[in-house]
Amino acid sequence: MEFCPECGSLMMPSKKGSLTIITCKKCGYCRDLSKEDKSKFVVKEKISHSPKDKLIVIEDKVDTLPKTREQCPKCGNFEAYWWELQTRSGDEPSTKFYRCTRCGHTWREY
């Protein structure tokens, strides 16, 4: 990793014909690497994900959430975990989510 002496931004290695150079993406400063050890300047392959890849939840720990007295519409239990998220625009109230402590059913209150 090398930084631009002009502006301090990260410089990226690239090929220009038969030359290997490092270029600053911000100001355009470039330097030839023909006389230097090129092994320290390596471009790695980008990782791409397909739409079929699924999000894997490693841990779904809800016992750290606060509890409240709210009736579950599925099993009738009167205790649920709750949390709030801003799901709409900033000038609208947040959405309160509940998860039953007995059956795990999740519902929301607008």
C-alpha atoms as a PDB file:
ATOM      1  CA  MET A   1       0.000   0.000   0.000  1.00  0.00           C
ATOM      2  CA  GLU A   2       1.387   3.354  -0.967  1.00  0.00           C
ATOM      3  CA  PHE A   3       0.042   6.875  -0.632  1.00  0.00           C
ATOM      4  CA  CYS A   4       0.308   9.773  -3.061  1.00  0.00           C
ATOM      5  CA  PRO A   5       3.059  12.275  -2.192  1.00  0.00           C
ATOM      6  CA  GLU A   6       0.945  15.084  -3.721  1.00  0.00           C
ATOM      7  CA  CYS A   7      -2.464  14.657  -2.029  1.00  0.00           C
ATOM      8  CA  GLY A   8      -2.092  11.720   0.386  1.00  0.00           C
ATOM      9  CA  SER A   9      -4.683   9.446  -1.291  1.00  0.00           C
ATOM     10  CA  LEU A  10      -4.218   5.724  -1.818  1.00  0.00           C
ATOM     11  CA  MET A  11      -2.339   4.843  -5.012  1.00  0.00           C
ATOM     12  CA  MET A  12      -3.500   1.845  -7.069  1.00  0.00           C
ATOM     13  CA  PRO A  13      -1.298  -0.375  -9.287  1.00  0.00           C
ATOM     14  CA  SER A  14      -2.198  -0.783 -12.965  1.00  0.00           C
ATOM     15  CA  LYS A  15      -0.662  -1.727 -16.311  1.00  0.00           C
ATOM     16  CA  LYS A  16       0.067   0.820 -19.030  1.00  0.00           C
ATOM     17  CA  GLY A  17       1.284  -1.185 -22.010  1.00  0.00           C
ATOM     18  CA  SER A  18       4.297  -3.148 -20.772  1.00  0.00           C
ATOM     19  CA  LEU A  19       4.892  -0.815 -17.807  1.00  0.00           C
ATOM     20  CA  THR A  20       3.560  -1.345 -14.310  1.00  0.00           C
ATOM     21  CA  ILE A  21       2.637   1.952 -12.668  1.00  0.00           C
ATOM     22  CA  ILE A  22       0.861   3.129  -9.550  1.00  0.00           C
ATOM     23  CA  THR A  23      -1.654   5.934 -10.011  1.00  0.00           C
ATOM     24  CA  CYS A  24      -3.468   8.259  -7.635  1.00  0.00           C
ATOM     25  CA  LYS A  25      -7.200   8.145  -8.416  1.00  0.00           C
ATOM     26  CA  LYS A  26      -7.724  11.612  -6.914  1.00  0.00           C
ATOM     27  CA  CYS A  27      -5.064  13.860  -8.442  1.00  0.00           C
ATOM     28  CA  GLY A  28      -3.677  11.670 -11.263  1.00  0.00           C
ATOM     29  CA  TYR A  29      -0.083  11.475 -10.003  1.00  0.00           C
ATOM     30  CA  CYS A  30       1.610   8.310 -11.316  1.00  0.00           C
ATOM     31  CA  ARG A  31       4.944   6.620 -10.810  1.00  0.00           C
ATOM     32  CA  ASP A  32       6.706   3.891 -12.791  1.00  0.00           C
ATOM     33  CA  LEU A  33       7.477   0.681 -10.903  1.00  0.00           C
ATOM     34  CA  SER A  34       9.852  -0.844 -13.480  1.00  0.00           C
ATOM     35  CA  LYS A  35      12.897  -0.477 -11.191  1.00  0.00           C
ATOM     36  CA  GLU A  36      11.104  -1.560  -7.987  1.00  0.00           C
ATOM     37  CA  ASP A  37       9.969  -4.864  -6.555  1.00  0.00           C
ATOM     38  CA  LYS A  38       6.509  -5.362  -8.094  1.00  0.00           C
ATOM     39  CA  SER A  39       5.595  -8.237  -5.767  1.00  0.00           C
ATOM     40  CA  LYS A  40       4.469  -5.809  -3.056  1.00  0.00           C
ATOM     41  CA  PHE A  41       1.929  -4.243  -5.462  1.00  0.00           C
ATOM     42  CA  VAL A  42      -0.732  -6.859  -6.172  1.00  0.00           C
ATOM     43  CA  VAL A  43      -4.292  -6.297  -7.368  1.00  0.00           C
ATOM     44  CA  LYS A  44      -6.612  -8.815  -5.733  1.00  0.00           C
ATOM     45  CA  GLU A  45      -9.706 -10.279  -7.360  1.00  0.00           C
ATOM     46  CA  LYS A  46     -13.018  -8.697  -6.407  1.00  0.00           C
ATOM     47  CA  ILE A  47     -15.569 -10.883  -4.661  1.00  0.00           C
ATOM     48  CA  SER A  48     -18.969 -10.834  -6.285  1.00  0.00           C
ATOM     49  CA  HIS A  49     -22.199 -12.281  -4.973  1.00  0.00           C
ATOM     50  CA  SER A  50     -25.076 -13.563  -7.037  1.00  0.00           C
ATOM     51  CA  PRO A  51     -28.716 -12.826  -6.191  1.00  0.00           C
ATOM     52  CA  LYS A  52     -29.049 -16.487  -5.193  1.00  0.00           C
ATOM     53  CA  ASP A  53     -26.605 -15.982  -2.305  1.00  0.00           C
ATOM     54  CA  LYS A  54     -28.494 -15.755   0.949  1.00  0.00           C
ATOM     55  CA  LEU A  55     -27.797 -13.711   4.052  1.00  0.00           C
ATOM     56  CA  ILE A  56     -26.615 -16.001   6.827  1.00  0.00           C
ATOM     57  CA  VAL A  57     -27.499 -14.954  10.354  1.00  0.00           C
ATOM     58  CA  ILE A  58     -24.793 -16.273  12.639  1.00  0.00           C
ATOM     59  CA  GLU A  59     -26.507 -15.347  15.866  1.00  0.00           C
ATOM     60  CA  ASP A  60     -30.064 -14.231  16.522  1.00  0.00           C
ATOM     61  CA  LYS A  61     -29.777 -13.334  20.184  1.00  0.00           C
ATOM     62  CA  VAL A  62     -32.878 -11.517  21.412  1.00  0.00           C
ATOM     63  CA  ASP A  63     -32.572 -12.141  25.153  1.00  0.00           C
ATOM     64  CA  THR A  64     -30.619  -8.876  25.464  1.00  0.00           C
ATOM     65  CA  LEU A  65     -33.610  -6.845  24.212  1.00  0.00           C
ATOM     66  CA  PRO A  66     -35.984  -5.174  26.680  1.00  0.00           C
ATOM     67  CA  LYS A  67     -39.263  -6.924  27.521  1.00  0.00           C
ATOM     68  CA  THR A  68     -42.739  -5.444  27.782  1.00  0.00           C
ATOM     69  CA  ARG A  69     -46.277  -6.569  28.555  1.00  0.00           C
ATOM     70  CA  GLU A  70     -47.837  -6.984  25.104  1.00  0.00           C
ATOM     71  CA  GLN A  71     -50.190  -9.763  23.948  1.00  0.00           C
ATOM     72  CA  CYS A  72     -48.952 -12.020  21.155  1.00  0.00           C
ATOM     73  CA  PRO A  73     -51.581 -12.268  18.375  1.00  0.00           C
ATOM     74  CA  LYS A  74     -50.490 -15.841  17.616  1.00  0.00           C
ATOM     75  CA  CYS A  75     -50.326 -17.629  21.003  1.00  0.00           C
ATOM     76  CA  GLY A  76     -51.829 -15.113  23.455  1.00  0.00           C
ATOM     77  CA  ASN A  77     -48.692 -14.834  25.621  1.00  0.00           C
ATOM     78  CA  PHE A  78     -48.463 -11.515  27.500  1.00  0.00           C
ATOM     79  CA  GLU A  79     -44.681 -10.949  27.322  1.00  0.00           C
ATOM     80  CA  ALA A  80     -42.644  -9.805  24.317  1.00  0.00           C
ATOM     81  CA  TYR A  81     -39.254  -8.360  23.426  1.00  0.00           C
ATOM     82  CA  TRP A  82     -39.444  -4.979  21.661  1.00  0.00           C
ATOM     83  CA  TRP A  83     -37.283  -2.626  19.562  1.00  0.00           C
ATOM     84  CA  GLU A  84     -37.852   0.452  17.408  1.00  0.00           C
ATOM     85  CA  LEU A  85     -36.664   1.245  13.872  1.00  0.00           C
ATOM     86  CA  GLN A  86     -37.117   4.286  11.671  1.00  0.00           C
ATOM     87  CA  THR A  87     -38.698   2.545   8.659  1.00  0.00           C
ATOM     88  CA  ARG A  88     -40.254   5.591   7.014  1.00  0.00           C
ATOM     89  CA  SER A  89     -39.158   9.183   6.455  1.00  0.00           C
ATOM     90  CA  GLY A  90     -37.623  11.165   9.295  1.00  0.00           C
ATOM     91  CA  ASP A  91     -40.688  13.299   9.988  1.00  0.00           C
ATOM     92  CA  GLU A  92     -42.877  10.220  10.646  1.00  0.00           C
ATOM     93  CA  PRO A  93     -42.905   8.191  13.871  1.00  0.00           C
ATOM     94  CA  SER A  94     -40.748   5.081  14.169  1.00  0.00           C
ATOM     95  CA  THR A  95     -42.100   1.534  13.913  1.00  0.00           C
ATOM     96  CA  LYS A  96     -42.139  -0.587  17.070  1.00  0.00           C
ATOM     97  CA  PHE A  97     -41.433  -4.302  16.621  1.00  0.00           C
ATOM     98  CA  TYR A  98     -42.377  -7.056  19.069  1.00  0.00           C
ATOM     99  CA  ARG A  99     -41.222 -10.682  19.347  1.00  0.00           C
ATOM    100  CA  CYS A 100     -43.085 -13.120  21.591  1.00  0.00           C
ATOM    101  CA  THR A 101     -40.957 -14.657  24.364  1.00  0.00           C
ATOM    102  CA  ARG A 102     -42.860 -17.963  24.099  1.00  0.00           C
ATOM    103  CA  CYS A 103     -43.424 -18.731  20.393  1.00  0.00           C
ATOM    104  CA  GLY A 104     -40.998 -16.273  18.713  1.00  0.00           C
ATOM    105  CA  HIS A 105     -43.701 -14.686  16.520  1.00  0.00           C
ATOM    106  CA  THR A 106     -42.703 -11.167  15.376  1.00  0.00           C
ATOM    107  CA  TRP A 107     -45.182  -8.367  14.654  1.00  0.00           C
ATOM    108  CA  ARG A 108     -45.072  -4.594  14.347  1.00  0.00           C
ATOM    109  CA  GLU A 109     -46.976  -1.560  15.542  1.00  0.00           C
ATOM    110  CA  TYR A 110     -46.965   1.600  13.436  1.00  0.00           C
END
